[in-house]
Amino acid sequence: MKRMKSLMLFPLLPLTVMLWNEPQQAASFDKDAHHSATLAETPVVAKTVASASSEIFSATTNSISGEVNEKQLVSYAMSLLGTPYIYAGVSPDGFDCSGFVTHVFDRFDIAVPHSSALQAKEGAFVSRDEAKVGDLVIFTGTNPAVRQPGHVGIIISTEADNIEFVHSSSVGGVKVSKVEGTGYSKRFLEIRRIL
């Protein structure tokens, strides 16, 4: 990420040098008609470089921070399949459920708290029939009678009205599960949209 940021700023370097040197050039160029013609052309070049650098910087910035593609997010989450479950874990060495979600979103510079109860307050409520890829799916803990957030995952599919999600489970680590036809249907609480 740091390397990418430095590469993004590289096109701005020539512009900075040109603009920094421009006042000194103006003082020395005024003495000579030939240099005055050159000076008159300098702002045009500076504007062109500034415009190009600005467009490059803007395009690069938008691809990094502006809009995260749900497919990229899910693709990264799926690359972590098989990572072991570690209580309070937030790294690829091991995750708990909310630590997994925190880590995946953090990868795309989106801050999400490390707690299923707090994650259940993030973003906006979405009805179950409007759920989409990249949304969070919130469940109770292992006791479905206690209707409080205790588990969380990231939706990877909603085909055939069956929500499929990737999550870090205390049984099997990072894996894919379904809501319908499983114990998760009784534990289901809500969908939250962060993206």
Protein backbone atom coordinates (compact mmCIF):
# COMPACT_ATOMS: atom_id res chain seq x y z
CA MET A 1 0.00 0.00 0.00
CA LYS A 2 2.85 2.41 0.88
CA ARG A 3 4.58 1.59 -2.40
CA MET A 4 1.34 2.24 -4.30
CA LYS A 5 0.93 5.64 -2.59
CA SER A 6 4.49 6.64 -3.50
CA LEU A 7 3.89 5.56 -7.09
CA MET A 8 0.71 7.64 -7.14
CA LEU A 9 2.66 10.73 -6.10
CA PHE A 10 5.49 10.17 -8.63
CA PRO A 11 3.68 11.98 -11.50
CA LEU A 12 3.38 15.05 -9.26
CA LEU A 13 7.16 15.37 -8.83
CA PRO A 14 7.91 17.07 -12.18
CA LEU A 15 5.03 19.46 -11.61
CA THR A 16 6.30 20.37 -8.15
CA VAL A 17 9.81 21.03 -9.51
CA MET A 18 8.43 23.17 -12.36
CA LEU A 19 6.19 25.24 -10.11
CA TRP A 20 8.90 25.60 -7.46
CA ASN A 21 11.42 26.89 -10.03
CA GLU A 22 8.98 29.13 -11.93
CA PRO A 23 9.48 32.32 -9.81
CA GLN A 24 13.28 32.08 -10.18
CA GLN A 25 12.91 31.53 -13.91
CA ALA A 26 10.69 34.61 -14.23
CA ALA A 27 13.36 36.87 -12.70
CA SER A 28 16.14 35.68 -15.00
CA PHE A 29 14.04 35.37 -18.19
CA ASP A 30 12.74 38.96 -18.18
CA LYS A 31 16.15 40.26 -19.37
CA ASP A 32 16.06 38.49 -22.69
CA ALA A 33 13.36 38.42 -25.39
CA HIS A 34 14.16 34.78 -26.25
CA HIS A 35 13.73 33.77 -22.63
CA SER A 36 10.52 35.80 -22.36
CA ALA A 37 9.03 33.72 -25.16
CA THR A 38 10.11 30.56 -23.33
CA LEU A 39 8.61 31.86 -20.10
CA ALA A 40 5.30 32.53 -21.84
CA GLU A 41 5.19 28.86 -22.85
CA THR A 42 6.03 27.57 -19.35
CA PRO A 43 2.55 28.10 -17.81
CA VAL A 44 0.98 26.11 -20.67
CA VAL A 45 3.37 23.23 -20.02
CA ALA A 46 2.79 23.54 -16.27
CA LYS A 47 -1.00 23.49 -16.78
CA THR A 48 -0.75 20.42 -19.02
CA VAL A 49 1.46 18.55 -16.52
CA ALA A 50 -0.75 19.66 -13.63
CA SER A 51 -3.87 18.49 -15.44
CA ALA A 52 -2.36 15.11 -16.36
CA SER A 53 -0.96 14.59 -12.85
CA SER A 54 -4.26 15.56 -11.30
CA GLU A 55 -6.17 13.10 -13.51
CA ILE A 56 -3.71 10.28 -12.74
CA PHE A 57 -3.83 11.00 -9.01
CA SER A 58 -7.62 11.28 -8.99
CA ALA A 59 -8.15 8.02 -10.91
CA THR A 60 -5.71 6.15 -8.67
CA THR A 61 -7.26 7.55 -5.50
CA ASN A 62 -10.78 6.59 -6.56
CA SER A 63 -9.73 3.03 -7.25
CA ILE A 64 -8.20 2.74 -3.77
CA SER A 65 -10.50 4.56 -1.40
CA GLY A 66 -13.57 5.90 -3.14
CA GLU A 67 -15.62 2.89 -4.06
CA VAL A 68 -14.80 -0.62 -2.99
CA ASN A 69 -16.02 -3.27 -5.38
CA GLU A 70 -18.02 -5.93 -3.48
CA LYS A 71 -16.45 -8.61 -5.67
CA GLN A 72 -12.95 -7.52 -4.65
CA LEU A 73 -13.95 -7.61 -0.99
CA VAL A 74 -15.48 -11.07 -1.28
CA SER A 75 -12.56 -12.32 -3.36
CA TYR A 76 -10.14 -11.28 -0.63
CA ALA A 77 -12.36 -12.81 2.08
CA MET A 78 -12.46 -16.09 0.13
CA SER A 79 -8.67 -16.10 -0.19
CA LEU A 80 -8.59 -16.57 3.59
CA LEU A 81 -10.58 -19.85 3.54
CA GLY A 82 -9.06 -22.40 5.90
CA THR A 83 -7.51 -19.82 8.23
CA PRO A 84 -7.85 -21.21 11.76
CA TYR A 85 -10.21 -19.83 14.37
CA ILE A 86 -8.44 -17.96 17.16
CA TYR A 87 -10.44 -16.20 19.85
CA ALA A 88 -9.98 -12.41 19.46
CA GLY A 89 -7.83 -13.02 16.35
CA VAL A 90 -7.64 -10.28 13.70
CA SER A 91 -4.84 -11.48 11.41
CA PRO A 92 -4.31 -14.18 8.79
CA ASP A 93 -2.69 -16.23 11.58
CA GLY A 94 -6.22 -16.71 12.95
CA PHE A 95 -9.57 -14.92 13.32
CA ASP A 96 -12.66 -14.94 15.45
CA CYS A 97 -15.86 -14.05 13.56
CA SER A 98 -15.78 -10.29 14.06
CA GLY A 99 -12.00 -10.16 13.73
CA PHE A 100 -12.35 -11.74 10.29
CA VAL A 101 -14.85 -9.08 9.20
CA THR A 102 -12.70 -6.30 10.69
CA HIS A 103 -9.62 -7.58 8.86
CA VAL A 104 -11.34 -7.95 5.48
CA PHE A 105 -12.84 -4.45 5.54
CA ASP A 106 -9.62 -2.96 6.90
CA ARG A 107 -7.83 -4.36 3.84
CA PHE A 108 -9.90 -1.84 1.84
CA ASP A 109 -9.39 1.01 4.34
CA ILE A 110 -12.87 0.70 5.82
CA ALA A 111 -12.88 0.80 9.62
CA VAL A 112 -15.22 -1.74 11.20
CA PRO A 113 -15.12 -2.41 14.97
CA HIS A 114 -13.93 -5.77 16.29
CA SER A 115 -17.19 -6.87 17.92
CA SER A 116 -20.24 -8.60 16.45
CA ALA A 117 -22.49 -6.44 18.68
CA LEU A 118 -20.89 -3.24 17.34
CA GLN A 119 -20.83 -4.54 13.76
CA ALA A 120 -24.60 -5.06 14.08
CA LYS A 121 -24.85 -1.26 14.46
CA GLU A 122 -22.59 -0.40 11.51
CA GLY A 123 -23.90 0.78 8.15
CA ALA A 124 -27.60 0.53 7.39
CA PHE A 125 -30.25 -2.10 8.05
CA VAL A 126 -31.23 -4.03 4.91
CA SER A 127 -34.21 -6.37 4.66
CA ARG A 128 -33.39 -10.03 4.12
CA ASP A 129 -34.88 -10.07 0.62
CA GLU A 130 -32.69 -7.09 -0.39
CA ALA A 131 -29.42 -8.65 0.85
CA LYS A 132 -26.53 -8.52 -1.59
CA VAL A 133 -22.94 -9.70 -1.91
CA GLY A 134 -20.66 -7.84 0.52
CA ASP A 135 -23.35 -7.20 3.15
CA LEU A 136 -22.86 -8.40 6.72
CA VAL A 137 -25.15 -11.12 8.03
CA ILE A 138 -25.69 -10.99 11.80
CA PHE A 139 -26.63 -13.99 13.95
CA THR A 140 -27.16 -14.73 17.61
CA GLY A 141 -24.47 -16.60 19.48
CA THR A 142 -24.76 -20.37 19.73
CA ASN A 143 -27.99 -20.07 21.75
CA PRO A 144 -30.71 -18.87 19.35
CA ALA A 145 -33.01 -18.05 22.30
CA VAL A 146 -30.71 -15.16 23.27
CA ARG A 147 -31.65 -12.66 20.55
CA GLN A 148 -28.48 -10.59 20.68
CA PRO A 149 -25.65 -10.39 18.12
CA GLY A 150 -23.05 -13.08 18.70
CA HIS A 151 -21.83 -14.08 15.24
CA VAL A 152 -21.22 -12.37 11.90
CA GLY A 153 -20.26 -13.21 8.34
CA ILE A 154 -19.94 -11.61 4.89
CA ILE A 155 -22.53 -12.52 2.25
CA ILE A 156 -21.04 -14.09 -0.87
CA SER A 157 -24.25 -15.19 -2.63
CA THR A 158 -28.01 -14.72 -2.45
CA GLU A 159 -28.97 -17.03 -5.31
CA ALA A 160 -32.20 -19.03 -5.06
CA ASP A 161 -33.17 -17.04 -1.95
CA ASN A 162 -30.47 -18.82 0.04
CA ILE A 163 -27.93 -16.58 1.72
CA GLU A 164 -24.42 -18.01 1.52
CA PHE A 165 -21.73 -16.35 3.62
CA VAL A 166 -18.04 -16.61 4.49
CA HIS A 167 -17.14 -16.40 8.18
CA SER A 168 -14.72 -17.56 10.84
CA SER A 169 -16.33 -20.34 12.85
CA SER A 170 -15.07 -21.88 16.08
CA VAL A 171 -15.63 -25.16 14.21
CA GLY A 172 -13.44 -25.14 11.11
CA GLY A 173 -12.09 -21.58 10.98
CA VAL A 174 -12.80 -19.49 7.87
CA LYS A 175 -15.37 -21.33 5.79
CA VAL A 176 -18.54 -20.91 3.73
CA SER A 177 -21.97 -21.67 5.19
CA LYS A 178 -25.63 -21.24 4.23
CA VAL A 179 -28.49 -19.76 6.23
CA GLU A 180 -31.50 -21.70 4.94
CA GLY A 181 -31.76 -25.33 5.96
CA THR A 182 -29.12 -24.98 8.70
CA GLY A 183 -28.95 -23.95 12.35
CA TYR A 184 -28.08 -20.46 11.16
CA SER A 185 -31.70 -19.92 10.03
CA LYS A 186 -32.81 -20.00 13.70
CA ARG A 187 -29.92 -17.74 14.71
CA PHE A 188 -30.47 -15.17 11.95
CA LEU A 189 -30.96 -11.59 13.18
CA GLU A 190 -30.39 -9.10 10.37
CA ILE A 191 -28.42 -7.82 7.40
CA ARG A 192 -26.23 -4.71 7.58
CA ARG A 193 -24.88 -2.85 4.55
CA ILE A 194 -21.53 -1.10 4.97
CA LEU A 195 -20.55 -0.71 1.30
